[in-house]
Amino acid sequence: MIDATGNPQTILLLGGTSDIGLAIVGEYLAKQTLRVILAARPSVRRDEAAADLLAAGATVDVLDFDATAFDTHPGVIDAAWKIADVDLAIVAFGLLGDAEQAWQDHAAAVALAQVNYTGGVSVGVLLGQRMKEQGYGQIIALSSVAGEVVRRSNFVYGSTKAGFDGFYRLLGEALEPFGPKVLVVRPGQVRTKMLDGVKESPGAIAPEVLARTVVDAARDGKTLIWAPAFFRPMMWVLKHLPPPIFRRLPI
């Protein structure tokens, strides 16, 4: 169960090697003991993440999970609930890809769509039904400001995040009468391994900074946040610019 201060006892991290996801788990773990279920493909990074969490005092279970192996997702979610009733699920997997390759390469575009959108919907439906049945729970869905205002510079990635964002926002509305909550997080650039080699944008933040913001918002029962917060008014302005002006911006 989630206690009166918003602290879960069991967290399922889908995308168990995600820097942001692990930082969020670490933020919760700093205040209490936890059971953490890491769901990710077998790798050295997954082993290291599990070892780090064990050293920090968590009880850790590991499940094999592939975001695009859709037919295996029901079994992964069933296996997680057999370990323990999941209080908090973090949907943290994602693929950035090469922006210019993505709109010109069929396989690259399909991979982005399958990981970022179809995979997210697949696990989201399963998580929603499990939490609806138990009458409580929370999902943290890691979206992106790139999905709020889709830009020419990365429109394939942005469009997949737009679909992901819309699905989880409305999943939260659908689940609200039954008890579970959904928090959609729209970060800007976060300094993670996924962005190694990518030029840093203004407002880039560390995963640990984002994690503190996310955990505070989850405890407060919020359903949508921007991080840093200045992205909220910035995105509003961009959405209301006339298209000829928007297309000329260097973004």
Protein backbone atom coordinates (compact mmCIF):
# COMPACT_ATOMS: atom_id res chain seq x y z
CA MET A 1 0.00 0.00 0.00
CA ILE A 2 0.95 3.67 -0.38
CA ASP A 3 1.09 5.26 3.07
CA ALA A 4 -0.46 8.55 4.16
CA THR A 5 2.65 10.51 3.13
CA GLY A 6 2.64 9.06 -0.39
CA ASN A 7 5.39 6.49 0.10
CA PRO A 8 5.02 3.15 -1.72
CA GLN A 9 6.23 -0.19 -0.40
CA THR A 10 6.75 -1.87 -3.77
CA ILE A 11 7.91 -0.18 -6.97
CA LEU A 12 7.93 -1.74 -10.43
CA LEU A 13 10.43 -0.04 -12.73
CA LEU A 14 9.72 -0.83 -16.38
CA GLY A 15 12.92 0.14 -18.07
CA GLY A 16 15.03 -1.04 -15.19
CA THR A 17 18.25 0.55 -16.42
CA SER A 18 16.76 4.01 -17.02
CA ASP A 19 18.84 6.72 -15.36
CA ILE A 20 15.70 8.74 -14.60
CA GLY A 21 13.74 5.75 -13.37
CA LEU A 22 16.57 4.64 -11.08
CA ALA A 23 16.95 8.20 -9.75
CA ILE A 24 13.24 8.26 -8.86
CA VAL A 25 13.57 4.91 -7.08
CA GLY A 26 16.63 6.25 -5.27
CA GLU A 27 14.69 9.30 -4.10
CA TYR A 28 12.04 7.09 -2.52
CA LEU A 29 14.67 4.73 -1.11
CA ALA A 30 16.42 7.61 0.65
CA LYS A 31 13.39 7.96 2.95
CA GLN A 32 12.40 4.33 3.56
CA THR A 33 13.06 0.68 2.77
CA LEU A 34 11.49 -0.62 -0.44
CA ARG A 35 10.94 -3.66 -2.58
CA VAL A 36 12.02 -2.79 -6.13
CA ILE A 37 11.16 -4.93 -9.14
CA LEU A 38 13.50 -4.13 -12.03
CA ALA A 39 12.07 -5.08 -15.41
CA ALA A 40 14.59 -4.82 -18.25
CA ARG A 41 16.50 -6.84 -20.80
CA PRO A 42 19.38 -8.87 -19.33
CA SER A 43 22.54 -6.76 -19.35
CA VAL A 44 25.50 -5.67 -17.28
CA ARG A 45 23.69 -2.37 -16.63
CA ARG A 46 20.72 -4.23 -15.15
CA ASP A 47 23.02 -6.26 -12.91
CA GLU A 48 24.78 -3.09 -11.77
CA ALA A 49 21.49 -1.33 -11.08
CA ALA A 50 20.27 -4.27 -8.98
CA ALA A 51 23.54 -4.37 -7.03
CA ASP A 52 23.40 -0.63 -6.34
CA LEU A 53 19.84 -0.85 -5.04
CA LEU A 54 20.71 -3.81 -2.82
CA ALA A 55 23.64 -1.86 -1.39
CA ALA A 56 21.27 1.02 -0.65
CA GLY A 57 19.02 -1.25 1.39
CA ALA A 58 16.31 -2.26 -1.08
CA THR A 59 14.88 -5.71 -1.60
CA VAL A 60 15.39 -6.31 -5.31
CA ASP A 61 13.72 -8.65 -7.78
CA VAL A 62 14.60 -8.79 -11.47
CA LEU A 63 12.35 -9.63 -14.41
CA ASP A 64 13.22 -9.96 -18.09
CA PHE A 65 11.35 -7.31 -20.08
CA ASP A 66 11.56 -6.21 -23.70
CA ALA A 67 9.44 -3.20 -24.63
CA THR A 68 8.74 -4.54 -28.13
CA ALA A 69 7.98 -8.15 -27.16
CA PHE A 70 4.33 -7.22 -26.73
CA ASP A 71 3.02 -10.75 -26.33
CA THR A 72 5.24 -11.24 -23.26
CA HIS A 73 3.99 -8.14 -21.44
CA PRO A 74 1.00 -9.79 -19.73
CA GLY A 75 3.35 -12.42 -18.29
CA VAL A 76 5.78 -9.77 -17.03
CA ILE A 77 3.03 -7.84 -15.26
CA ASP A 78 1.59 -11.07 -13.80
CA ALA A 79 5.06 -12.02 -12.55
CA ALA A 80 5.50 -8.63 -10.89
CA TRP A 81 2.21 -8.95 -9.00
CA LYS A 82 3.10 -12.49 -7.93
CA ILE A 83 6.15 -11.02 -6.21
CA ALA A 84 4.07 -8.35 -4.45
CA ASP A 85 1.14 -6.04 -5.02
CA VAL A 86 2.67 -3.12 -6.90
CA ASP A 87 2.01 0.29 -5.34
CA LEU A 88 3.92 2.37 -7.87
CA ALA A 89 4.87 1.57 -11.46
CA ILE A 90 7.32 3.76 -13.36
CA VAL A 91 7.16 3.57 -17.16
CA ALA A 92 10.67 4.71 -17.98
CA PHE A 93 11.80 2.91 -21.13
CA GLY A 94 12.30 4.85 -24.34
CA LEU A 95 14.30 5.27 -27.51
CA LEU A 96 15.64 8.57 -28.87
CA GLY A 97 17.24 7.50 -32.14
CA ASP A 98 18.78 9.71 -34.80
CA ALA A 99 16.29 12.43 -35.72
CA GLU A 100 17.28 12.75 -39.38
CA GLN A 101 17.57 9.03 -39.90
CA ALA A 102 14.18 8.38 -38.32
CA TRP A 103 12.05 10.11 -40.95
CA GLN A 104 13.99 8.55 -43.83
CA ASP A 105 14.55 5.01 -42.56
CA HIS A 106 11.54 2.72 -42.25
CA ALA A 107 13.07 0.38 -39.68
CA ALA A 108 14.28 3.26 -37.49
CA ALA A 109 10.88 4.95 -37.53
CA VAL A 110 9.04 1.73 -36.70
CA ALA A 111 11.44 1.01 -33.83
CA LEU A 112 10.77 4.43 -32.31
CA ALA A 113 7.02 3.97 -32.60
CA GLN A 114 7.06 0.46 -31.16
CA VAL A 115 9.23 1.30 -28.15
CA ASN A 116 7.95 4.75 -27.28
CA TYR A 117 4.27 4.43 -28.12
CA THR A 118 3.09 0.85 -28.63
CA GLY A 119 5.20 -0.49 -25.78
CA GLY A 120 3.94 2.25 -23.49
CA VAL A 121 0.30 1.57 -24.35
CA SER A 122 0.81 -2.19 -23.99
CA VAL A 123 2.09 -2.00 -20.43
CA GLY A 124 -0.19 0.91 -19.54
CA VAL A 125 -3.37 -1.05 -20.24
CA LEU A 126 -2.07 -3.96 -18.16
CA LEU A 127 -0.97 -1.76 -15.27
CA GLY A 128 -4.24 0.14 -15.34
CA GLN A 129 -6.33 -3.02 -15.08
CA ARG A 130 -4.24 -4.45 -12.25
CA MET A 131 -4.44 -1.23 -10.25
CA LYS A 132 -8.15 -0.84 -11.00
CA GLU A 133 -8.73 -4.35 -9.59
CA GLN A 134 -6.76 -3.64 -6.40
CA GLY A 135 -8.36 -0.20 -5.99
CA TYR A 136 -5.16 1.77 -5.54
CA GLY A 137 -1.75 2.43 -7.03
CA GLN A 138 0.11 5.03 -9.01
CA ILE A 139 1.75 5.12 -12.42
CA ILE A 140 4.53 7.58 -13.24
CA ALA A 141 4.82 7.93 -17.01
CA LEU A 142 7.95 9.61 -18.34
CA SER A 143 6.86 11.68 -21.33
CA SER A 144 8.71 14.68 -22.82
CA VAL A 145 8.17 18.30 -23.78
CA ALA A 146 9.03 17.06 -27.29
CA GLY A 147 5.61 15.41 -27.33
CA GLU A 148 3.72 18.52 -26.31
CA VAL A 149 4.97 20.61 -29.22
CA VAL A 150 6.25 18.40 -32.04
CA ARG A 151 9.06 20.11 -33.94
CA ARG A 152 10.65 19.52 -37.32
CA SER A 153 14.01 18.84 -35.67
CA ASN A 154 12.83 15.54 -34.11
CA PHE A 155 9.27 15.01 -35.29
CA VAL A 156 9.30 11.21 -35.39
CA TYR A 157 10.44 10.98 -31.77
CA GLY A 158 8.17 13.86 -30.79
CA SER A 159 5.12 12.29 -32.40
CA THR A 160 5.68 9.02 -30.53
CA LYS A 161 5.91 10.94 -27.27
CA ALA A 162 2.78 12.91 -28.16
CA GLY A 163 0.86 9.64 -28.43
CA PHE A 164 2.40 8.29 -25.21
CA ASP A 165 1.56 11.52 -23.38
CA GLY A 166 -2.05 11.56 -24.53
CA PHE A 167 -2.58 7.91 -23.65
CA TYR A 168 -1.30 8.23 -20.08
CA ARG A 169 -3.08 11.52 -19.37
CA LEU A 170 -6.41 10.00 -20.38
CA LEU A 171 -5.61 6.69 -18.67
CA GLY A 172 -5.37 8.74 -15.49
CA GLU A 173 -8.82 10.20 -16.13
CA ALA A 174 -10.26 6.75 -16.82
CA LEU A 175 -8.76 5.28 -13.63
CA GLU A 176 -9.61 8.18 -11.34
CA PRO A 177 -13.06 6.87 -10.25
CA PHE A 178 -11.46 3.57 -9.22
CA GLY A 179 -8.65 4.91 -7.01
CA PRO A 180 -5.37 4.65 -8.97
CA LYS A 181 -3.53 7.78 -10.07
CA VAL A 182 -1.33 8.59 -13.05
CA LEU A 183 1.38 11.25 -13.11
CA VAL A 184 2.64 12.30 -16.55
CA VAL A 185 6.09 13.91 -16.47
CA ARG A 186 7.20 16.25 -19.26
CA PRO A 187 10.92 16.90 -18.81
CA GLY A 188 13.16 18.86 -21.10
CA GLN A 189 16.66 17.57 -21.65
CA VAL A 190 17.97 15.34 -18.85
CA ARG A 191 21.64 14.38 -18.58
CA THR A 192 21.34 10.63 -19.10
CA LYS A 193 23.27 7.95 -20.97
CA MET A 194 20.66 8.11 -23.73
CA LEU A 195 21.85 11.63 -24.54
CA ASP A 196 25.58 10.91 -24.56
CA GLY A 197 27.05 12.82 -27.49
CA VAL A 198 23.99 15.08 -27.90
CA LYS A 199 24.57 18.83 -27.58
CA GLU A 200 23.24 20.07 -24.26
CA SER A 201 20.24 22.39 -24.40
CA PRO A 202 19.51 25.33 -22.08
CA GLY A 203 17.70 24.13 -18.98
CA ALA A 204 19.22 20.63 -19.02
CA ILE A 205 19.02 19.01 -15.60
CA ALA A 206 20.49 16.00 -13.80
CA PRO A 207 18.34 12.89 -13.24
CA GLU A 208 18.53 13.40 -9.48
CA VAL A 209 17.07 16.91 -9.78
CA LEU A 210 14.21 15.62 -11.91
CA ALA A 211 13.65 12.75 -9.49
CA ARG A 212 13.09 15.09 -6.54
CA THR A 213 10.54 17.06 -8.55
CA VAL A 214 8.76 13.88 -9.66
CA VAL A 215 8.56 12.34 -6.19
CA ASP A 216 7.24 15.56 -4.65
CA ALA A 217 4.58 15.75 -7.37
CA ALA A 218 3.62 12.09 -6.94
CA ARG A 219 3.23 12.52 -3.18
CA ASP A 220 1.06 15.58 -3.79
CA GLY A 221 -1.20 13.60 -6.12
CA LYS A 222 -0.46 15.72 -9.19
CA THR A 223 -1.34 14.39 -12.62
CA LEU A 224 0.92 16.45 -14.93
CA ILE A 225 4.18 18.32 -14.42
CA TRP A 226 6.86 20.03 -16.49
CA ALA A 227 10.52 19.92 -15.45
CA PRO A 228 11.99 22.44 -15.19
CA ALA A 229 8.75 24.31 -14.52
CA PHE A 230 9.55 27.10 -17.01
CA PHE A 231 8.73 24.69 -19.84
CA ARG A 232 5.03 25.02 -19.05
CA PRO A 233 4.66 28.67 -20.14
CA MET A 234 7.26 28.16 -22.88
CA MET A 235 5.26 25.33 -24.44
CA TRP A 236 2.07 27.36 -24.20
CA VAL A 237 3.69 30.17 -26.17
CA LEU A 238 5.08 27.79 -28.80
CA LYS A 239 1.68 26.13 -29.27
CA HIS A 240 0.06 29.49 -29.99
CA LEU A 241 2.61 30.86 -32.43
CA PRO A 242 1.45 31.12 -36.05
CA PRO A 243 2.94 28.20 -38.05
CA PRO A 244 5.03 30.44 -40.37
CA ILE A 245 6.76 31.95 -37.32
CA PHE A 246 7.10 28.63 -35.48
CA ARG A 247 8.81 27.03 -38.49
CA ARG A 248 11.47 29.73 -38.49
CA LEU A 249 12.52 29.18 -34.89
CA PRO A 250 15.91 27.45 -34.37
CA ILE A 251 14.47 24.60 -32.32
